[in-house]
Amino acid sequence: MNRFKIVFACLIGLGIVLLSYNLLKPIDVTEENSIHIQSIVTKVDKGGLGDYIVELEDKSGMYFISKADVQNINIERLAKAVDGRRVSVFYLKPKALSLFGPMINRRQITKLEVGENVVFSII
């Protein structure tokens, strides 16, 4: 009986560890893990944390380029290239955990195109 409790507790603990790992592991940045939309850019701005925020017409939520990915991009050049234009935006698919808390309406841009011209890409 006592052995059963120990084995059961170990299995429950292992299940919790595996579930936590699956929920918290980062998403691979690939085109297959990205959602594609098209819209018109209304504003490009720098966020408080150093991310570049891209506002899209008729789309809710915040679309951002992570500060870790903006070393090679100048915000003025980016704004000039996309402001007021129809763009193709690829952003990471949300994971189960990002449906709760502060990340619910934040979408990380993985690729940004104007026509056939790729303006930004980490794919």
N, C-alpha and C. Protein backbone atom coordinates (compact mmCIF):
# COMPACT_ATOMS: atom_id res chain seq x y z
N MET A 1 0.82 -1.21 0.00
CA MET A 1 0.00 0.00 0.00
C MET A 1 0.86 1.26 0.00
N ASN A 2 1.90 1.25 0.84
CA ASN A 2 2.78 2.40 0.93
C ASN A 2 3.56 2.60 -0.37
N ARG A 3 3.98 1.49 -1.00
CA ARG A 3 4.67 1.57 -2.28
C ARG A 3 3.78 2.16 -3.36
N PHE A 4 2.53 1.79 -3.34
CA PHE A 4 1.57 2.32 -4.30
C PHE A 4 1.48 3.84 -4.20
N LYS A 5 1.43 4.37 -2.99
CA LYS A 5 1.34 5.82 -2.79
C LYS A 5 2.60 6.52 -3.32
N ILE A 6 3.76 5.91 -3.09
CA ILE A 6 5.01 6.51 -3.56
C ILE A 6 5.06 6.52 -5.08
N VAL A 7 4.71 5.40 -5.71
CA VAL A 7 4.69 5.32 -7.18
C VAL A 7 3.68 6.30 -7.75
N PHE A 8 2.50 6.37 -7.15
CA PHE A 8 1.46 7.28 -7.61
C PHE A 8 1.92 8.74 -7.50
N ALA A 9 2.55 9.10 -6.39
CA ALA A 9 3.05 10.46 -6.20
C ALA A 9 4.14 10.80 -7.22
N CYS A 10 5.02 9.83 -7.51
CA CYS A 10 6.06 10.05 -8.51
C CYS A 10 5.46 10.26 -9.90
N LEU A 11 4.45 9.46 -10.24
CA LEU A 11 3.79 9.62 -11.55
C LEU A 11 3.08 10.97 -11.67
N ILE A 12 2.43 11.39 -10.61
CA ILE A 12 1.78 12.71 -10.61
C ILE A 12 2.82 13.81 -10.75
N GLY A 13 3.91 13.71 -10.02
CA GLY A 13 4.99 14.70 -10.12
C GLY A 13 5.59 14.75 -11.52
N LEU A 14 5.83 13.59 -12.11
CA LEU A 14 6.37 13.53 -13.47
C LEU A 14 5.38 14.14 -14.46
N GLY A 15 4.11 13.88 -14.28
CA GLY A 15 3.08 14.46 -15.15
C GLY A 15 3.06 15.97 -15.06
N ILE A 16 3.19 16.50 -13.87
CA ILE A 16 3.21 17.96 -13.68
C ILE A 16 4.44 18.57 -14.35
N VAL A 17 5.58 17.92 -14.21
CA VAL A 17 6.82 18.41 -14.84
C VAL A 17 6.67 18.41 -16.36
N LEU A 18 6.16 17.33 -16.94
CA LEU A 18 5.99 17.25 -18.39
C LEU A 18 4.97 18.27 -18.90
N LEU A 19 3.89 18.46 -18.18
CA LEU A 19 2.89 19.46 -18.57
C LEU A 19 3.48 20.86 -18.52
N SER A 20 4.22 21.16 -17.46
CA SER A 20 4.85 22.48 -17.34
C SER A 20 5.86 22.72 -18.46
N TYR A 21 6.63 21.71 -18.78
CA TYR A 21 7.60 21.84 -19.87
C TYR A 21 6.90 22.15 -21.20
N ASN A 22 5.83 21.42 -21.50
CA ASN A 22 5.11 21.65 -22.75
C ASN A 22 4.48 23.03 -22.81
N LEU A 23 3.97 23.52 -21.70
CA LEU A 23 3.34 24.84 -21.68
C LEU A 23 4.34 25.98 -21.75
N LEU A 24 5.54 25.78 -21.21
CA LEU A 24 6.50 26.88 -21.10
C LEU A 24 7.61 26.87 -22.14
N LYS A 25 7.77 25.78 -22.89
CA LYS A 25 8.86 25.76 -23.87
C LYS A 25 8.56 26.76 -24.98
N PRO A 26 9.59 27.43 -25.49
CA PRO A 26 9.37 28.44 -26.53
C PRO A 26 8.93 27.79 -27.85
N ILE A 27 8.21 28.57 -28.62
CA ILE A 27 7.74 28.11 -29.93
C ILE A 27 8.89 28.29 -30.92
N ASP A 28 9.10 27.28 -31.77
CA ASP A 28 10.09 27.41 -32.84
C ASP A 28 9.61 28.46 -33.83
N VAL A 29 10.49 29.38 -34.20
CA VAL A 29 10.14 30.44 -35.13
C VAL A 29 10.31 29.90 -36.54
N THR A 30 9.20 29.43 -37.12
CA THR A 30 9.18 28.92 -38.48
C THR A 30 7.94 29.45 -39.18
N GLU A 31 7.92 29.32 -40.49
CA GLU A 31 6.75 29.77 -41.23
C GLU A 31 5.52 28.91 -40.90
N GLU A 32 5.74 27.63 -40.57
CA GLU A 32 4.64 26.75 -40.21
C GLU A 32 4.01 27.14 -38.87
N ASN A 33 4.79 27.75 -37.99
CA ASN A 33 4.29 28.18 -36.69
C ASN A 33 3.83 29.64 -36.71
N SER A 34 3.67 30.20 -37.89
CA SER A 34 3.25 31.60 -38.02
C SER A 34 1.88 31.68 -38.69
N ILE A 35 1.12 32.67 -38.30
CA ILE A 35 -0.18 32.97 -38.91
C ILE A 35 0.03 34.14 -39.85
N HIS A 36 -0.59 34.08 -41.02
CA HIS A 36 -0.42 35.11 -42.05
C HIS A 36 -1.70 35.94 -42.15
N ILE A 37 -1.54 37.27 -42.08
CA ILE A 37 -2.66 38.18 -42.30
C ILE A 37 -2.18 39.31 -43.21
N GLN A 38 -3.14 40.04 -43.77
CA GLN A 38 -2.82 41.24 -44.55
C GLN A 38 -3.64 42.40 -44.01
N SER A 39 -3.01 43.55 -43.96
CA SER A 39 -3.68 44.75 -43.47
C SER A 39 -2.87 45.97 -43.88
N ILE A 40 -3.39 47.13 -43.53
CA ILE A 40 -2.71 48.40 -43.80
C ILE A 40 -2.13 48.91 -42.49
N VAL A 41 -0.86 49.30 -42.54
CA VAL A 41 -0.18 49.82 -41.35
C VAL A 41 -0.63 51.25 -41.10
N THR A 42 -1.09 51.51 -39.88
CA THR A 42 -1.52 52.87 -39.53
C THR A 42 -0.47 53.62 -38.72
N LYS A 43 0.41 52.86 -38.02
CA LYS A 43 1.41 53.53 -37.19
C LYS A 43 2.52 52.56 -36.82
N VAL A 44 3.73 53.07 -36.78
CA VAL A 44 4.89 52.31 -36.28
C VAL A 44 5.52 53.15 -35.19
N ASP A 45 5.73 52.55 -34.03
CA ASP A 45 6.25 53.29 -32.89
C ASP A 45 7.15 52.38 -32.06
N LYS A 46 7.96 53.00 -31.21
CA LYS A 46 8.81 52.23 -30.31
C LYS A 46 8.09 52.10 -28.97
N GLY A 47 7.97 50.85 -28.49
CA GLY A 47 7.30 50.61 -27.22
C GLY A 47 8.20 50.92 -26.04
N GLY A 48 7.63 50.90 -24.86
CA GLY A 48 8.36 51.22 -23.65
C GLY A 48 9.47 50.24 -23.33
N LEU A 49 9.35 49.00 -23.78
CA LEU A 49 10.37 47.99 -23.49
C LEU A 49 11.39 47.86 -24.61
N GLY A 50 11.31 48.72 -25.63
CA GLY A 50 12.26 48.67 -26.73
C GLY A 50 11.76 47.90 -27.94
N ASP A 51 10.58 47.28 -27.83
CA ASP A 51 9.99 46.60 -28.98
C ASP A 51 9.46 47.63 -29.97
N TYR A 52 9.36 47.25 -31.24
CA TYR A 52 8.74 48.11 -32.24
C TYR A 52 7.29 47.67 -32.38
N ILE A 53 6.38 48.60 -32.18
CA ILE A 53 4.95 48.33 -32.23
C ILE A 53 4.42 48.72 -33.60
N VAL A 54 3.69 47.81 -34.24
CA VAL A 54 3.10 48.07 -35.55
C VAL A 54 1.58 47.99 -35.37
N GLU A 55 0.90 49.11 -35.60
CA GLU A 55 -0.56 49.13 -35.51
C GLU A 55 -1.14 48.88 -36.89
N LEU A 56 -2.14 48.00 -36.93
CA LEU A 56 -2.76 47.61 -38.20
C LEU A 56 -4.22 48.05 -38.23
N GLU A 57 -4.64 48.49 -39.40
CA GLU A 57 -6.02 48.92 -39.61
C GLU A 57 -6.95 47.70 -39.49
N ASP A 58 -8.04 47.85 -38.79
CA ASP A 58 -9.07 46.81 -38.64
C ASP A 58 -8.57 45.55 -37.95
N LYS A 59 -7.48 45.60 -37.21
CA LYS A 59 -6.98 44.44 -36.47
C LYS A 59 -6.80 44.84 -35.01
N SER A 60 -7.35 44.04 -34.12
CA SER A 60 -7.18 44.34 -32.71
C SER A 60 -5.91 43.67 -32.19
N GLY A 61 -5.46 44.10 -31.05
CA GLY A 61 -4.26 43.53 -30.46
C GLY A 61 -3.03 44.34 -30.83
N MET A 62 -1.91 43.97 -30.21
CA MET A 62 -0.66 44.67 -30.45
C MET A 62 0.28 43.75 -31.21
N TYR A 63 0.73 44.18 -32.36
CA TYR A 63 1.69 43.44 -33.17
C TYR A 63 3.05 44.09 -32.94
N PHE A 64 4.04 43.29 -32.57
CA PHE A 64 5.33 43.87 -32.21
C PHE A 64 6.48 43.07 -32.80
N ILE A 65 7.58 43.78 -33.03
CA ILE A 65 8.85 43.15 -33.38
C ILE A 65 9.69 43.20 -32.11
N SER A 66 10.11 42.04 -31.65
CA SER A 66 10.82 41.93 -30.38
C SER A 66 12.11 42.74 -30.39
N LYS A 67 12.43 43.33 -29.25
CA LYS A 67 13.66 44.12 -29.14
C LYS A 67 14.90 43.26 -29.38
N ALA A 68 14.79 41.97 -29.18
CA ALA A 68 15.91 41.08 -29.45
C ALA A 68 16.19 40.95 -30.95
N ASP A 69 15.20 41.29 -31.77
CA ASP A 69 15.32 41.13 -33.22
C ASP A 69 15.49 42.45 -33.97
N VAL A 70 15.60 43.57 -33.27
CA VAL A 70 15.60 44.86 -33.95
C VAL A 70 16.99 45.49 -34.12
N GLN A 71 18.05 44.73 -33.88
CA GLN A 71 19.39 45.31 -33.98
C GLN A 71 19.68 45.85 -35.38
N ASN A 72 19.20 45.18 -36.41
CA ASN A 72 19.52 45.57 -37.79
C ASN A 72 18.45 46.47 -38.41
N ILE A 73 17.48 46.91 -37.63
CA ILE A 73 16.37 47.69 -38.18
C ILE A 73 16.33 49.06 -37.52
N ASN A 74 16.23 50.08 -38.34
CA ASN A 74 16.06 51.45 -37.87
C ASN A 74 14.56 51.74 -37.90
N ILE A 75 14.01 52.28 -36.82
CA ILE A 75 12.56 52.49 -36.75
C ILE A 75 12.07 53.51 -37.78
N GLU A 76 12.90 54.52 -38.07
CA GLU A 76 12.49 55.51 -39.07
C GLU A 76 12.40 54.88 -40.46
N ARG A 77 13.38 54.03 -40.80
CA ARG A 77 13.36 53.33 -42.09
C ARG A 77 12.19 52.36 -42.17
N LEU A 78 11.92 51.67 -41.07
CA LEU A 78 10.79 50.75 -41.03
C LEU A 78 9.48 51.49 -41.22
N ALA A 79 9.31 52.62 -40.51
CA ALA A 79 8.09 53.40 -40.64
C ALA A 79 7.91 53.93 -42.06
N LYS A 80 8.99 54.40 -42.65
CA LYS A 80 8.92 54.91 -44.02
C LYS A 80 8.55 53.81 -45.01
N ALA A 81 9.03 52.59 -44.77
CA ALA A 81 8.79 51.48 -45.69
C ALA A 81 7.36 50.93 -45.61
N VAL A 82 6.73 51.00 -44.43
CA VAL A 82 5.43 50.34 -44.27
C VAL A 82 4.27 51.24 -43.94
N ASP A 83 4.50 52.45 -43.47
CA ASP A 83 3.42 53.32 -43.01
C ASP A 83 2.44 53.64 -44.13
N GLY A 84 1.15 53.33 -43.89
CA GLY A 84 0.10 53.60 -44.85
C GLY A 84 0.02 52.60 -45.99
N ARG A 85 0.81 51.56 -45.95
CA ARG A 85 0.83 50.57 -47.04
C ARG A 85 0.19 49.26 -46.60
N ARG A 86 -0.30 48.52 -47.60
CA ARG A 86 -0.82 47.18 -47.34
C ARG A 86 0.37 46.25 -47.18
N VAL A 87 0.38 45.51 -46.07
CA VAL A 87 1.49 44.62 -45.76
C VAL A 87 0.99 43.21 -45.48
N SER A 88 1.88 42.26 -45.66
CA SER A 88 1.65 40.89 -45.22
C SER A 88 2.39 40.71 -43.91
N VAL A 89 1.68 40.29 -42.90
CA VAL A 89 2.26 40.12 -41.58
C VAL A 89 2.18 38.64 -41.19
N PHE A 90 3.31 38.09 -40.78
CA PHE A 90 3.35 36.75 -40.22
C PHE A 90 3.66 36.92 -38.74
N TYR A 91 2.87 36.29 -37.88
CA TYR A 91 3.15 36.36 -36.44
C TYR A 91 3.03 34.97 -35.83
N LEU A 92 3.72 34.76 -34.71
CA LEU A 92 3.74 33.46 -34.06
C LEU A 92 2.36 33.06 -33.57
N LYS A 93 2.02 31.78 -33.77
CA LYS A 93 0.77 31.24 -33.25
C LYS A 93 0.82 31.30 -31.73
N PRO A 94 -0.27 31.72 -31.10
CA PRO A 94 -0.26 31.75 -29.64
C PRO A 94 -0.29 30.33 -29.06
N LYS A 95 0.39 30.15 -27.95
CA LYS A 95 0.36 28.87 -27.24
C LYS A 95 -0.75 28.92 -26.20
N ALA A 96 -1.04 27.80 -25.59
CA ALA A 96 -2.12 27.70 -24.62
C ALA A 96 -1.94 28.69 -23.47
N LEU A 97 -0.70 28.84 -22.99
CA LEU A 97 -0.45 29.72 -21.85
C LEU A 97 -0.60 31.20 -22.21
N SER A 98 -0.38 31.56 -23.48
CA SER A 98 -0.48 32.96 -23.87
C SER A 98 -1.93 33.41 -24.04
N LEU A 99 -2.89 32.50 -23.86
CA LEU A 99 -4.29 32.88 -23.91
C LEU A 99 -4.75 33.48 -22.58
N PHE A 100 -3.86 33.50 -21.60
CA PHE A 100 -4.15 34.06 -20.28
C PHE A 100 -3.12 35.13 -19.96
N GLY A 101 -3.48 36.07 -19.12
CA GLY A 101 -2.53 37.04 -18.62
C GLY A 101 -2.19 38.15 -19.60
N PRO A 102 -1.01 38.76 -19.41
CA PRO A 102 -0.67 39.97 -20.16
C PRO A 102 -0.37 39.74 -21.64
N MET A 103 -0.17 38.51 -22.08
CA MET A 103 0.17 38.25 -23.49
C MET A 103 -1.04 37.98 -24.36
N ILE A 104 -2.24 38.15 -23.84
CA ILE A 104 -3.44 37.72 -24.56
C ILE A 104 -3.63 38.45 -25.90
N ASN A 105 -3.27 39.71 -26.00
CA ASN A 105 -3.46 40.45 -27.25
C ASN A 105 -2.14 40.89 -27.88
N ARG A 106 -1.03 40.28 -27.50
CA ARG A 106 0.28 40.61 -28.07
C ARG A 106 0.66 39.54 -29.08
N ARG A 107 1.07 39.99 -30.26
CA ARG A 107 1.46 39.06 -31.32
C ARG A 107 2.85 39.43 -31.84
N GLN A 108 3.78 38.49 -31.75
CA GLN A 108 5.16 38.74 -32.17
C GLN A 108 5.30 38.53 -33.67
N ILE A 109 5.69 39.60 -34.37
CA ILE A 109 5.86 39.54 -35.82
C ILE A 109 7.13 38.76 -36.15
N THR A 110 6.99 37.79 -37.07
CA THR A 110 8.14 37.02 -37.51
C THR A 110 8.59 37.41 -38.92
N LYS A 111 7.65 37.98 -39.69
CA LYS A 111 7.99 38.40 -41.06
C LYS A 111 7.03 39.50 -41.47
N LEU A 112 7.57 40.51 -42.16
CA LEU A 112 6.78 41.66 -42.61
C LEU A 112 7.15 41.95 -44.05
N GLU A 113 6.15 41.93 -44.93
CA GLU A 113 6.39 42.13 -46.37
C GLU A 113 5.51 43.26 -46.89
N VAL A 114 6.08 44.04 -47.80
CA VAL A 114 5.31 45.02 -48.58
C VAL A 114 5.38 44.56 -50.01
N GLY A 115 4.26 44.04 -50.52
CA GLY A 115 4.28 43.43 -51.85
C GLY A 115 5.17 42.22 -51.83
N GLU A 116 6.16 42.19 -52.71
CA GLU A 116 7.12 41.08 -52.76
C GLU A 116 8.40 41.40 -51.97
N ASN A 117 8.50 42.62 -51.44
CA ASN A 117 9.68 43.07 -50.72
C ASN A 117 9.60 42.69 -49.24
N VAL A 118 10.55 41.91 -48.76
CA VAL A 118 10.61 41.52 -47.34
C VAL A 118 11.29 42.65 -46.57
N VAL A 119 10.54 43.28 -45.68
CA VAL A 119 11.04 44.39 -44.88
C VAL A 119 11.73 43.89 -43.61
N PHE A 120 11.17 42.82 -43.03
CA PHE A 120 11.71 42.25 -41.80
C PHE A 120 11.41 40.76 -41.79
N SER A 121 12.37 39.96 -41.33
CA SER A 121 12.13 38.53 -41.21
C SER A 121 13.11 37.92 -40.22
N ILE A 122 12.58 37.03 -39.35
CA ILE A 122 13.42 36.20 -38.50
C ILE A 122 13.18 34.73 -38.84
N ILE A 123 12.43 34.50 -39.88
CA ILE A 123 12.14 33.11 -40.33
C ILE A 123 13.27 32.64 -41.20
